[in-house]
């Protein structure tokens, strides 16, 4: 069946946040509680799914997850993060190729609404047909639950067989499996996720022209 829509995770797939920022903002939060952590522990916190991230906070940071996260958001502000983040070099190229083919595009992310508002304009002039935030506050279970992907499909008015989901994380591919949507893992080589259950692995978004 012809692919009618490509759905993307945002951070790590379309938007790049350097390790410098990840280390800086997490260490600043830890400093509030006189805590330190290894580079590897901070990368685990950043890249793992929500349940595992909370476990990192408990076991590696030795803090209550809710307490740490409430402090973290005060450091990880949209204004501060905007100074460091930018689109990946292949993002605009791939999005333009999809637009020229008439393929719909969507975003499925767990990012705070304030982050979405600063990151979407970075991808201008591309206009997405659907932007879904998968969080309980939006009435959707977070990834890897398929709720957000199902809503994206509904908004795009395509079937699961007509769409692919592109993400950089293991939980993204677990989401695609749960929804039975073709999962494409973009391996940015920024974190070792181990075995990732993807239908296809690519190292550049421009490779999407193979299947879409």
N, C-alpha and C. Protein backbone atom coordinates (compact mmCIF):
# COMPACT_ATOMS: atom_id res chain seq x y z
N UNK A 1 0.85 -1.20 0.00
CA UNK A 1 0.00 0.00 0.00
C UNK A 1 0.88 1.25 0.00
N UNK A 2 0.44 2.26 -0.71
CA UNK A 2 1.19 3.51 -0.80
C UNK A 2 1.22 4.23 0.55
N UNK A 3 2.39 4.75 0.90
CA UNK A 3 2.53 5.52 2.13
C UNK A 3 1.91 6.90 1.94
N UNK A 4 0.96 7.24 2.80
CA UNK A 4 0.27 8.53 2.72
C UNK A 4 0.73 9.52 3.79
N UNK A 5 1.38 9.02 4.84
CA UNK A 5 1.77 9.91 5.93
C UNK A 5 3.02 9.39 6.63
N UNK A 6 3.86 10.33 7.06
CA UNK A 6 5.03 10.02 7.87
C UNK A 6 4.90 10.82 9.17
N UNK A 7 4.97 10.10 10.29
CA UNK A 7 4.86 10.71 11.62
C UNK A 7 6.23 10.66 12.28
N UNK A 8 6.63 11.76 12.85
CA UNK A 8 7.95 11.88 13.46
C UNK A 8 7.88 12.11 14.96
N UNK A 9 8.81 11.52 15.68
CA UNK A 9 9.15 12.04 17.00
C UNK A 9 9.87 13.36 16.75
N UNK A 10 9.89 14.24 17.73
CA UNK A 10 10.52 15.53 17.49
C UNK A 10 11.97 15.57 17.97
N UNK A 11 12.19 15.51 19.28
CA UNK A 11 13.55 15.61 19.82
C UNK A 11 14.34 14.34 19.52
N UNK A 12 15.49 14.52 18.90
CA UNK A 12 16.32 13.38 18.56
C UNK A 12 16.08 12.84 17.16
N UNK A 13 14.93 13.15 16.60
CA UNK A 13 14.63 12.75 15.23
C UNK A 13 14.72 13.95 14.29
N UNK A 14 14.04 15.04 14.66
CA UNK A 14 14.06 16.26 13.85
C UNK A 14 14.90 17.36 14.49
N UNK A 15 14.89 17.42 15.82
CA UNK A 15 15.55 18.50 16.55
C UNK A 15 16.72 17.96 17.36
N UNK A 16 17.87 18.61 17.21
CA UNK A 16 19.10 18.20 17.87
C UNK A 16 19.35 19.03 19.12
N UNK A 17 19.62 18.33 20.23
CA UNK A 17 20.05 18.97 21.47
C UNK A 17 21.42 18.41 21.82
N UNK A 18 22.47 19.22 21.88
CA UNK A 18 23.82 18.70 22.08
C UNK A 18 24.03 18.15 23.48
N UNK A 19 25.01 17.24 23.59
CA UNK A 19 25.36 16.66 24.89
C UNK A 19 25.77 17.75 25.88
N UNK A 20 26.37 18.80 25.38
CA UNK A 20 26.77 19.92 26.24
C UNK A 20 25.58 20.44 27.03
N UNK A 21 24.45 20.61 26.35
CA UNK A 21 23.26 21.13 27.04
C UNK A 21 22.69 20.09 27.99
N UNK A 22 22.62 18.86 27.56
CA UNK A 22 22.07 17.81 28.41
C UNK A 22 22.81 17.74 29.74
N UNK A 23 24.14 17.75 29.66
CA UNK A 23 24.96 17.68 30.87
C UNK A 23 24.79 18.94 31.72
N UNK A 24 24.76 20.08 31.06
CA UNK A 24 24.69 21.36 31.77
C UNK A 24 23.41 21.49 32.58
N UNK A 25 22.27 21.20 31.96
CA UNK A 25 21.00 21.45 32.63
C UNK A 25 20.71 20.41 33.71
N UNK A 26 21.13 19.18 33.50
CA UNK A 26 20.91 18.15 34.53
C UNK A 26 21.84 18.41 35.73
N UNK A 27 23.09 18.76 35.46
CA UNK A 27 24.02 19.04 36.56
C UNK A 27 23.58 20.28 37.37
N UNK A 28 23.03 21.25 36.69
CA UNK A 28 22.53 22.43 37.40
C UNK A 28 21.39 22.05 38.35
N UNK A 29 20.54 21.13 37.92
CA UNK A 29 19.44 20.68 38.78
C UNK A 29 19.98 19.87 39.94
N UNK A 30 20.91 18.98 39.69
CA UNK A 30 21.50 18.17 40.75
C UNK A 30 22.19 19.05 41.80
N UNK A 31 22.81 20.12 41.33
CA UNK A 31 23.52 21.01 42.25
C UNK A 31 22.58 21.61 43.30
N UNK A 32 21.31 21.80 42.91
CA UNK A 32 20.33 22.33 43.87
C UNK A 32 20.20 21.44 45.10
N UNK A 33 20.51 20.15 44.93
CA UNK A 33 20.37 19.17 46.02
C UNK A 33 21.72 18.60 46.45
N UNK A 34 22.79 19.28 46.07
CA UNK A 34 24.15 18.83 46.42
C UNK A 34 24.40 17.40 45.96
N UNK A 35 23.96 17.12 44.74
CA UNK A 35 24.15 15.81 44.15
C UNK A 35 25.03 15.94 42.90
N UNK A 36 25.69 14.85 42.57
CA UNK A 36 26.44 14.77 41.33
C UNK A 36 26.06 13.48 40.62
N UNK A 37 26.48 13.34 39.37
CA UNK A 37 26.19 12.13 38.61
C UNK A 37 27.22 11.97 37.51
N UNK A 38 27.37 10.76 37.03
CA UNK A 38 28.28 10.51 35.92
C UNK A 38 27.65 10.97 34.61
N UNK A 39 28.49 11.17 33.61
CA UNK A 39 27.97 11.51 32.28
C UNK A 39 27.00 10.45 31.80
N UNK A 40 27.33 9.18 32.04
CA UNK A 40 26.49 8.07 31.57
C UNK A 40 25.12 8.08 32.24
N UNK A 41 25.08 8.39 33.54
CA UNK A 41 23.80 8.45 34.25
C UNK A 41 22.92 9.57 33.70
N UNK A 42 23.55 10.69 33.37
CA UNK A 42 22.79 11.82 32.81
C UNK A 42 22.24 11.46 31.43
N UNK A 43 23.04 10.77 30.64
CA UNK A 43 22.55 10.34 29.32
C UNK A 43 21.41 9.35 29.45
N UNK A 44 21.48 8.45 30.45
CA UNK A 44 20.37 7.53 30.70
C UNK A 44 19.10 8.31 31.03
N UNK A 45 19.24 9.30 31.91
CA UNK A 45 18.08 10.12 32.27
C UNK A 45 17.47 10.78 31.04
N UNK A 46 18.31 11.25 30.15
CA UNK A 46 17.82 12.02 29.01
C UNK A 46 17.14 11.14 27.96
N UNK A 47 17.71 9.97 27.71
CA UNK A 47 17.27 9.19 26.56
C UNK A 47 16.27 8.07 26.87
N UNK A 48 16.18 7.63 28.12
CA UNK A 48 15.29 6.51 28.42
C UNK A 48 13.85 6.97 28.56
N UNK A 49 12.92 5.98 28.51
CA UNK A 49 11.50 6.33 28.61
C UNK A 49 11.17 6.75 30.04
N UNK A 50 9.94 7.19 30.23
CA UNK A 50 9.58 7.85 31.49
C UNK A 50 9.78 6.97 32.71
N UNK A 51 9.37 5.72 32.66
CA UNK A 51 9.51 4.84 33.82
C UNK A 51 10.97 4.62 34.17
N UNK A 52 11.80 4.37 33.16
CA UNK A 52 13.22 4.14 33.41
C UNK A 52 13.93 5.42 33.84
N UNK A 53 13.45 6.54 33.34
CA UNK A 53 14.02 7.83 33.74
C UNK A 53 13.79 8.07 35.24
N UNK A 54 12.61 7.75 35.69
CA UNK A 54 12.30 7.91 37.11
C UNK A 54 13.16 6.98 37.97
N UNK A 55 13.44 5.80 37.44
CA UNK A 55 14.30 4.86 38.15
C UNK A 55 15.73 5.41 38.25
N UNK A 56 16.20 6.06 37.19
CA UNK A 56 17.52 6.68 37.23
C UNK A 56 17.58 7.75 38.31
N UNK A 57 16.53 8.54 38.41
CA UNK A 57 16.49 9.61 39.42
C UNK A 57 16.55 9.01 40.83
N UNK A 58 15.80 7.93 41.02
CA UNK A 58 15.78 7.30 42.35
C UNK A 58 17.11 6.64 42.70
N UNK A 59 17.63 5.85 41.77
CA UNK A 59 18.78 5.01 42.10
C UNK A 59 20.13 5.66 41.83
N UNK A 60 20.22 6.49 40.81
CA UNK A 60 21.50 7.11 40.46
C UNK A 60 21.65 8.52 41.03
N UNK A 61 20.56 9.28 41.03
CA UNK A 61 20.62 10.63 41.57
C UNK A 61 20.27 10.67 43.06
N UNK A 62 19.67 9.57 43.55
CA UNK A 62 19.28 9.46 44.96
C UNK A 62 18.32 10.58 45.36
N UNK A 63 17.31 10.78 44.49
CA UNK A 63 16.32 11.82 44.74
C UNK A 63 14.92 11.30 44.43
N UNK A 64 13.93 11.95 45.01
CA UNK A 64 12.55 11.65 44.67
C UNK A 64 12.29 12.15 43.25
N UNK A 65 11.78 11.30 42.36
CA UNK A 65 11.59 11.73 40.97
C UNK A 65 10.74 12.97 40.81
N UNK A 66 9.64 13.07 41.56
CA UNK A 66 8.77 14.23 41.41
C UNK A 66 9.47 15.52 41.85
N UNK A 67 10.26 15.41 42.91
CA UNK A 67 11.00 16.58 43.40
C UNK A 67 12.04 17.01 42.37
N UNK A 68 12.78 16.02 41.84
CA UNK A 68 13.82 16.36 40.86
C UNK A 68 13.20 16.98 39.60
N UNK A 69 12.14 16.38 39.10
CA UNK A 69 11.56 16.85 37.84
C UNK A 69 10.99 18.27 38.00
N UNK A 70 10.41 18.56 39.15
CA UNK A 70 9.88 19.91 39.36
C UNK A 70 11.00 20.94 39.35
N UNK A 71 12.17 20.55 39.84
CA UNK A 71 13.33 21.46 39.81
C UNK A 71 13.94 21.51 38.41
N UNK A 72 13.95 20.37 37.74
CA UNK A 72 14.54 20.28 36.40
C UNK A 72 13.85 21.22 35.42
N UNK A 73 12.54 21.30 35.47
CA UNK A 73 11.82 22.15 34.51
C UNK A 73 12.13 23.64 34.73
N UNK A 74 12.56 23.99 35.94
CA UNK A 74 12.93 25.38 36.19
C UNK A 74 14.26 25.73 35.54
N UNK A 75 15.11 24.72 35.34
CA UNK A 75 16.38 24.93 34.65
C UNK A 75 16.23 24.74 33.14
N UNK A 76 15.44 23.76 32.77
CA UNK A 76 15.26 23.40 31.36
C UNK A 76 14.17 24.27 30.74
N UNK A 77 14.40 25.56 30.72
CA UNK A 77 13.38 26.48 30.22
C UNK A 77 13.44 26.59 28.69
N UNK A 78 12.34 26.91 28.05
CA UNK A 78 12.36 27.08 26.59
C UNK A 78 13.38 28.13 26.14
N UNK A 79 13.48 29.22 26.88
CA UNK A 79 14.39 30.30 26.49
C UNK A 79 15.85 29.84 26.54
N UNK A 80 16.19 29.07 27.56
CA UNK A 80 17.56 28.58 27.70
C UNK A 80 17.85 27.52 26.65
N UNK A 81 16.93 26.60 26.50
CA UNK A 81 17.15 25.49 25.56
C UNK A 81 17.23 25.97 24.12
N UNK A 82 16.50 27.01 23.81
CA UNK A 82 16.49 27.54 22.45
C UNK A 82 17.88 27.98 22.00
N UNK A 83 18.73 28.34 22.95
CA UNK A 83 20.09 28.78 22.62
C UNK A 83 20.96 27.62 22.12
N UNK A 84 20.54 26.39 22.40
CA UNK A 84 21.37 25.23 22.08
C UNK A 84 20.77 24.33 20.99
N UNK A 85 19.46 24.28 20.89
CA UNK A 85 18.82 23.34 19.97
C UNK A 85 18.72 23.88 18.55
N UNK A 86 18.67 22.97 17.60
CA UNK A 86 18.52 23.33 16.20
C UNK A 86 18.05 22.09 15.44
N UNK A 87 17.50 22.27 14.24
CA UNK A 87 17.11 21.10 13.45
C UNK A 87 18.35 20.32 12.99
N UNK A 88 18.22 19.01 12.87
CA UNK A 88 19.28 18.23 12.23
C UNK A 88 19.40 18.68 10.77
N UNK A 89 20.60 18.55 10.22
CA UNK A 89 20.84 19.00 8.85
C UNK A 89 19.95 18.29 7.84
N UNK A 90 19.56 17.04 8.12
CA UNK A 90 18.76 16.28 7.16
C UNK A 90 17.25 16.50 7.32
N UNK A 91 16.85 17.22 8.37
CA UNK A 91 15.42 17.35 8.66
C UNK A 91 14.68 18.14 7.59
N UNK A 92 15.14 19.34 7.28
CA UNK A 92 14.45 20.17 6.30
C UNK A 92 14.47 19.53 4.91
N UNK A 93 15.57 18.87 4.58
CA UNK A 93 15.67 18.20 3.27
C UNK A 93 14.60 17.12 3.15
N UNK A 94 14.51 16.28 4.18
CA UNK A 94 13.55 15.18 4.15
C UNK A 94 12.11 15.69 4.15
N UNK A 95 11.84 16.71 4.96
CA UNK A 95 10.48 17.26 5.03
C UNK A 95 10.06 17.87 3.70
N UNK A 96 10.98 18.54 3.03
CA UNK A 96 10.66 19.13 1.73
C UNK A 96 10.41 18.05 0.69
N UNK A 97 11.18 16.97 0.72
CA UNK A 97 10.95 15.87 -0.21
C UNK A 97 9.57 15.25 0.00
N UNK A 98 9.16 15.10 1.24
CA UNK A 98 7.84 14.56 1.53
C UNK A 98 6.74 15.51 1.07
N UNK A 99 6.95 16.80 1.28
CA UNK A 99 5.96 17.79 0.84
C UNK A 99 5.77 17.73 -0.67
N UNK A 100 6.88 17.65 -1.39
CA UNK A 100 6.80 17.61 -2.85
C UNK A 100 6.08 16.36 -3.36
N UNK A 101 6.13 15.29 -2.60
CA UNK A 101 5.44 14.05 -2.97
C UNK A 101 3.98 14.04 -2.53
N UNK A 102 3.59 15.07 -1.80
CA UNK A 102 2.20 15.14 -1.33
C UNK A 102 1.92 14.24 -0.15
N UNK A 103 2.96 13.88 0.60
CA UNK A 103 2.80 13.00 1.76
C UNK A 103 2.55 13.85 3.00
N UNK A 104 1.52 13.49 3.74
CA UNK A 104 1.20 14.21 4.97
C UNK A 104 2.27 13.94 6.03
N UNK A 105 2.43 14.90 6.95
CA UNK A 105 3.40 14.73 8.02
C UNK A 105 2.77 15.06 9.37
N UNK A 106 3.22 14.34 10.37
CA UNK A 106 2.73 14.58 11.72
C UNK A 106 3.87 14.48 12.72
N UNK A 107 3.61 14.94 13.92
CA UNK A 107 4.57 14.85 15.02
C UNK A 107 3.88 14.19 16.21
N UNK A 108 4.57 13.24 16.81
CA UNK A 108 4.13 12.64 18.06
C UNK A 108 5.27 12.80 19.05
N UNK A 109 5.03 13.54 20.11
CA UNK A 109 6.09 13.87 21.05
C UNK A 109 5.56 13.85 22.48
N UNK A 110 6.47 13.70 23.42
CA UNK A 110 6.12 13.81 24.84
C UNK A 110 6.61 15.13 25.41
N UNK A 111 7.16 15.98 24.56
CA UNK A 111 7.76 17.23 25.02
C UNK A 111 6.73 18.16 25.65
N UNK A 112 7.14 18.97 26.63
CA UNK A 112 6.23 19.97 27.18
C UNK A 112 5.73 20.91 26.08
N UNK A 113 4.54 21.41 26.26
CA UNK A 113 3.94 22.29 25.25
C UNK A 113 4.83 23.49 24.94
N UNK A 114 5.50 24.03 25.98
CA UNK A 114 6.35 25.20 25.78
C UNK A 114 7.53 24.87 24.87
N UNK A 115 8.04 23.64 24.95
CA UNK A 115 9.14 23.22 24.09
C UNK A 115 8.66 23.05 22.65
N UNK A 116 7.48 22.49 22.50
CA UNK A 116 6.92 22.33 21.16
C UNK A 116 6.79 23.69 20.48
N UNK A 117 6.40 24.69 21.26
CA UNK A 117 6.18 26.02 20.70
C UNK A 117 7.48 26.69 20.23
N UNK A 118 8.62 26.30 20.83
CA UNK A 118 9.88 26.90 20.35
C UNK A 118 10.53 26.04 19.27
N UNK A 119 10.24 24.73 19.27
CA UNK A 119 10.91 23.85 18.32
C UNK A 119 10.20 23.78 16.97
N UNK A 120 8.89 23.84 16.96
CA UNK A 120 8.18 23.80 15.68
C UNK A 120 8.61 24.92 14.73
N UNK A 121 8.74 26.17 15.21
CA UNK A 121 9.19 27.23 14.30
C UNK A 121 10.58 26.99 13.73
N UNK A 122 11.40 26.19 14.39
CA UNK A 122 12.73 25.88 13.86
C UNK A 122 12.64 25.09 12.56
N UNK A 123 11.50 24.43 12.36
CA UNK A 123 11.31 23.62 11.16
C UNK A 123 10.54 24.37 10.07
N UNK A 124 10.28 25.65 10.30
CA UNK A 124 9.61 26.50 9.31
C UNK A 124 10.49 26.54 8.04
N UNK A 125 9.88 26.52 6.84
CA UNK A 125 8.47 26.77 6.53
C UNK A 125 7.59 25.51 6.49
N UNK A 126 8.14 24.36 6.90
CA UNK A 126 7.30 23.16 6.82
C UNK A 126 6.13 23.26 7.79
N UNK A 127 4.95 22.84 7.31
CA UNK A 127 3.75 22.83 8.13
C UNK A 127 3.28 21.40 8.30
N UNK A 128 3.16 20.98 9.56
CA UNK A 128 2.73 19.62 9.86
C UNK A 128 1.21 19.54 9.87
N UNK A 129 0.70 18.40 9.41
CA UNK A 129 -0.74 18.21 9.36
C UNK A 129 -1.33 17.79 10.70
N UNK A 130 -0.47 17.32 11.60
CA UNK A 130 -0.91 16.90 12.93
C UNK A 130 0.25 17.02 13.90
N UNK A 131 -0.02 17.56 15.08
CA UNK A 131 0.97 17.60 16.16
C UNK A 131 0.28 17.09 17.42
N UNK A 132 0.76 15.96 17.92
CA UNK A 132 0.13 15.32 19.08
C UNK A 132 1.13 15.21 20.22
N UNK A 133 0.69 15.61 21.39
CA UNK A 133 1.51 15.51 22.60
C UNK A 133 0.96 14.37 23.45
N UNK A 134 1.73 13.29 23.59
CA UNK A 134 1.27 12.10 24.30
C UNK A 134 1.64 12.20 25.78
N UNK A 135 0.72 12.77 26.54
CA UNK A 135 0.87 12.87 27.99
C UNK A 135 -0.50 12.70 28.63
N UNK A 136 -0.53 12.27 29.87
CA UNK A 136 -1.80 12.07 30.57
C UNK A 136 -2.61 13.35 30.64
N UNK A 137 -1.91 14.49 30.73
CA UNK A 137 -2.61 15.78 30.78
C UNK A 137 -3.37 16.08 29.50
N UNK A 138 -3.02 15.36 28.42
CA UNK A 138 -3.72 15.52 27.14
C UNK A 138 -4.73 14.39 26.92
N UNK A 139 -4.91 13.56 27.95
CA UNK A 139 -5.82 12.44 27.84
C UNK A 139 -5.23 11.25 27.10
N UNK A 140 -3.90 11.22 27.01
CA UNK A 140 -3.21 10.14 26.28
C UNK A 140 -2.12 9.54 27.16
N UNK A 141 -2.03 8.22 27.15
CA UNK A 141 -0.93 7.58 27.86
C UNK A 141 0.38 7.87 27.12
N UNK A 142 1.46 8.10 27.86
CA UNK A 142 2.76 8.37 27.21
C UNK A 142 3.26 7.16 26.42
N UNK A 143 4.18 7.41 25.51
CA UNK A 143 4.87 6.33 24.83
C UNK A 143 5.56 5.44 25.87
N UNK A 144 5.57 4.12 25.69
CA UNK A 144 5.29 3.38 24.46
C UNK A 144 3.84 2.97 24.24
N UNK A 145 2.89 3.49 25.02
CA UNK A 145 1.48 3.23 24.73
C UNK A 145 1.16 3.82 23.36
N UNK A 146 0.26 3.19 22.60
CA UNK A 146 -0.01 3.63 21.23
C UNK A 146 -1.01 4.76 21.09
N UNK A 147 -1.54 5.27 22.23
CA UNK A 147 -2.63 6.25 22.18
C UNK A 147 -2.32 7.45 21.28
N UNK A 148 -1.15 8.04 21.46
CA UNK A 148 -0.79 9.23 20.70
C UNK A 148 -0.67 8.94 19.22
N UNK A 149 -0.15 7.78 18.88
CA UNK A 149 -0.01 7.42 17.47
C UNK A 149 -1.39 7.21 16.84
N UNK A 150 -2.30 6.62 17.59
CA UNK A 150 -3.67 6.45 17.09
C UNK A 150 -4.33 7.80 16.84
N UNK A 151 -4.12 8.75 17.76
CA UNK A 151 -4.73 10.08 17.56
C UNK A 151 -4.14 10.75 16.33
N UNK A 152 -2.82 10.60 16.14
CA UNK A 152 -2.16 11.18 14.98
C UNK A 152 -2.74 10.61 13.69
N UNK A 153 -2.93 9.30 13.66
CA UNK A 153 -3.52 8.66 12.48
C UNK A 153 -4.92 9.21 12.21
N UNK A 154 -5.70 9.40 13.27
CA UNK A 154 -7.05 9.94 13.10
C UNK A 154 -7.01 11.35 12.53
N UNK A 155 -6.11 12.18 13.06
CA UNK A 155 -6.02 13.56 12.59
C UNK A 155 -5.52 13.64 11.15
N UNK A 156 -4.65 12.70 10.79
CA UNK A 156 -4.13 12.66 9.42
C UNK A 156 -5.08 11.97 8.46
N UNK A 157 -6.08 11.29 9.02
CA UNK A 157 -7.08 10.57 8.23
C UNK A 157 -6.42 9.51 7.33
N UNK A 158 -5.55 8.72 7.94
CA UNK A 158 -4.91 7.61 7.25
C UNK A 158 -5.01 6.37 8.12
N UNK A 159 -4.89 5.21 7.50
CA UNK A 159 -4.88 3.96 8.24
C UNK A 159 -3.47 3.65 8.72
N UNK A 160 -3.34 2.70 9.62
CA UNK A 160 -2.01 2.34 10.13
C UNK A 160 -1.14 1.75 9.02
N UNK A 161 -1.77 1.12 8.02
CA UNK A 161 -1.01 0.56 6.91
C UNK A 161 -0.49 1.63 5.96
N UNK A 162 -1.04 2.83 6.05
CA UNK A 162 -0.65 3.91 5.14
C UNK A 162 0.36 4.87 5.75
N UNK A 163 0.82 4.55 6.97
CA UNK A 163 1.71 5.48 7.69
C UNK A 163 2.97 4.78 8.16
N UNK A 164 4.00 5.58 8.40
CA UNK A 164 5.20 5.10 9.08
C UNK A 164 5.51 6.07 10.22
N UNK A 165 6.15 5.54 11.25
CA UNK A 165 6.53 6.37 12.40
C UNK A 165 8.04 6.35 12.52
N UNK A 166 8.65 7.54 12.59
CA UNK A 166 10.09 7.69 12.63
C UNK A 166 10.49 8.26 13.99
N UNK A 167 11.36 7.54 14.70
CA UNK A 167 11.82 8.02 15.99
C UNK A 167 13.25 7.60 16.26
N UNK A 168 13.86 8.26 17.24
CA UNK A 168 15.26 7.97 17.56
C UNK A 168 15.41 7.07 18.78
N UNK A 169 14.33 6.80 19.50
CA UNK A 169 14.42 6.07 20.75
C UNK A 169 13.79 4.69 20.69
N UNK A 170 14.20 3.85 21.62
CA UNK A 170 13.64 2.50 21.72
C UNK A 170 12.14 2.56 22.00
N UNK A 171 11.72 3.50 22.84
CA UNK A 171 10.30 3.61 23.17
C UNK A 171 9.47 4.04 21.96
N UNK A 172 10.09 4.77 21.02
CA UNK A 172 9.38 5.14 19.79
C UNK A 172 9.03 3.89 19.00
N UNK A 173 10.00 2.97 18.89
CA UNK A 173 9.75 1.76 18.12
C UNK A 173 8.82 0.80 18.86
N UNK A 174 8.84 0.83 20.18
CA UNK A 174 7.88 0.05 20.95
C UNK A 174 6.47 0.61 20.75
N UNK A 175 6.38 1.93 20.59
CA UNK A 175 5.10 2.57 20.30
C UNK A 175 4.57 2.13 18.94
N UNK A 176 5.45 2.12 17.94
CA UNK A 176 5.01 1.71 16.60
C UNK A 176 4.57 0.25 16.61
N UNK A 177 5.27 -0.59 17.37
CA UNK A 177 4.87 -1.99 17.46
C UNK A 177 3.49 -2.13 18.10
N UNK A 178 3.27 -1.38 19.19
CA UNK A 178 1.99 -1.46 19.89
C UNK A 178 0.83 -1.01 19.01
N UNK A 179 1.11 -0.04 18.13
CA UNK A 179 0.07 0.47 17.23
C UNK A 179 0.01 -0.30 15.91
N UNK A 180 0.99 -1.19 15.70
CA UNK A 180 1.11 -1.94 14.44
C UNK A 180 1.28 -0.98 13.25
N UNK A 181 2.13 0.01 13.47
CA UNK A 181 2.51 0.96 12.43
C UNK A 181 3.98 0.69 12.10
N UNK A 182 4.34 0.76 10.83
CA UNK A 182 5.71 0.50 10.39
C UNK A 182 6.65 1.47 11.09
N UNK A 183 7.64 0.92 11.80
CA UNK A 183 8.54 1.74 12.60
C UNK A 183 9.91 1.91 11.98
N UNK A 184 10.33 3.15 11.82
CA UNK A 184 11.65 3.46 11.26
C UNK A 184 12.49 4.11 12.36
N UNK A 185 13.58 3.45 12.71
CA UNK A 185 14.48 3.99 13.74
C UNK A 185 15.58 4.80 13.08
N UNK A 186 15.64 6.08 13.41
CA UNK A 186 16.73 6.93 12.94
C UNK A 186 17.84 6.86 13.98
N UNK A 187 18.91 6.18 13.64
CA UNK A 187 20.01 5.97 14.58
C UNK A 187 20.99 7.14 14.48
N UNK A 188 20.86 8.07 15.42
CA UNK A 188 21.72 9.26 15.44
C UNK A 188 23.07 8.96 16.11
N UNK A 189 23.22 7.76 16.64
CA UNK A 189 24.46 7.34 17.31
C UNK A 189 24.84 8.28 18.46
N UNK A 190 23.81 8.76 19.16
CA UNK A 190 24.04 9.63 20.32
C UNK A 190 23.90 8.87 21.63
N UNK A 191 23.30 7.66 21.55
CA UNK A 191 23.06 6.87 22.76
C UNK A 191 22.93 5.41 22.36
N UNK A 192 23.44 4.53 23.21
CA UNK A 192 23.37 3.10 22.94
C UNK A 192 22.09 2.53 23.56
N UNK A 193 21.08 2.32 22.72
CA UNK A 193 19.81 1.78 23.19
C UNK A 193 19.82 0.25 23.25
N UNK A 194 20.89 -0.37 22.79
CA UNK A 194 20.88 -1.83 22.68
C UNK A 194 20.07 -2.24 21.48
N UNK A 195 19.41 -3.36 21.57
CA UNK A 195 18.59 -3.86 20.46
C UNK A 195 17.30 -3.06 20.37
N UNK A 196 17.06 -2.48 19.22
CA UNK A 196 15.86 -1.65 19.01
C UNK A 196 14.92 -2.39 18.05
N UNK A 197 13.65 -2.59 18.45
CA UNK A 197 12.71 -3.37 17.64
C UNK A 197 12.11 -2.58 16.48
N UNK A 198 12.95 -2.25 15.51
CA UNK A 198 12.50 -1.43 14.38
C UNK A 198 12.25 -2.30 13.15
N UNK A 199 11.34 -1.84 12.30
CA UNK A 199 11.13 -2.50 11.00
C UNK A 199 12.23 -2.11 10.03
N UNK A 200 12.76 -0.91 10.20
CA UNK A 200 13.84 -0.41 9.34
C UNK A 200 14.71 0.52 10.15
N UNK A 201 16.02 0.44 9.95
CA UNK A 201 16.96 1.36 10.59
C UNK A 201 17.63 2.21 9.53
N UNK A 202 17.66 3.53 9.78
CA UNK A 202 18.34 4.46 8.86
C UNK A 202 19.27 5.35 9.68
N UNK A 203 20.22 5.97 9.01
CA UNK A 203 21.13 6.89 9.69
C UNK A 203 20.95 8.32 9.21
N UNK A 204 20.07 8.53 8.25
CA UNK A 204 19.75 9.87 7.76
C UNK A 204 18.28 9.90 7.33
N UNK A 205 17.60 10.99 7.64
CA UNK A 205 16.20 11.11 7.25
C UNK A 205 16.01 11.14 5.74
N UNK A 206 17.06 11.50 5.01
CA UNK A 206 16.93 11.51 3.56
C UNK A 206 16.69 10.11 3.00
N UNK A 207 17.00 9.08 3.78
CA UNK A 207 16.76 7.70 3.36
C UNK A 207 15.28 7.35 3.33
N UNK A 208 14.43 8.23 3.86
CA UNK A 208 13.00 7.97 3.82
C UNK A 208 12.46 7.89 2.41
N UNK A 209 13.18 8.49 1.46
CA UNK A 209 12.69 8.43 0.08
C UNK A 209 12.70 7.02 -0.48
N UNK A 210 13.32 6.09 0.24
CA UNK A 210 13.31 4.69 -0.17
C UNK A 210 11.92 4.09 -0.01
N UNK A 211 11.23 4.50 1.04
CA UNK A 211 9.94 3.86 1.34
C UNK A 211 8.75 4.80 1.26
N UNK A 212 8.99 6.10 1.17
CA UNK A 212 7.88 7.06 1.12
C UNK A 212 7.97 7.94 -0.12
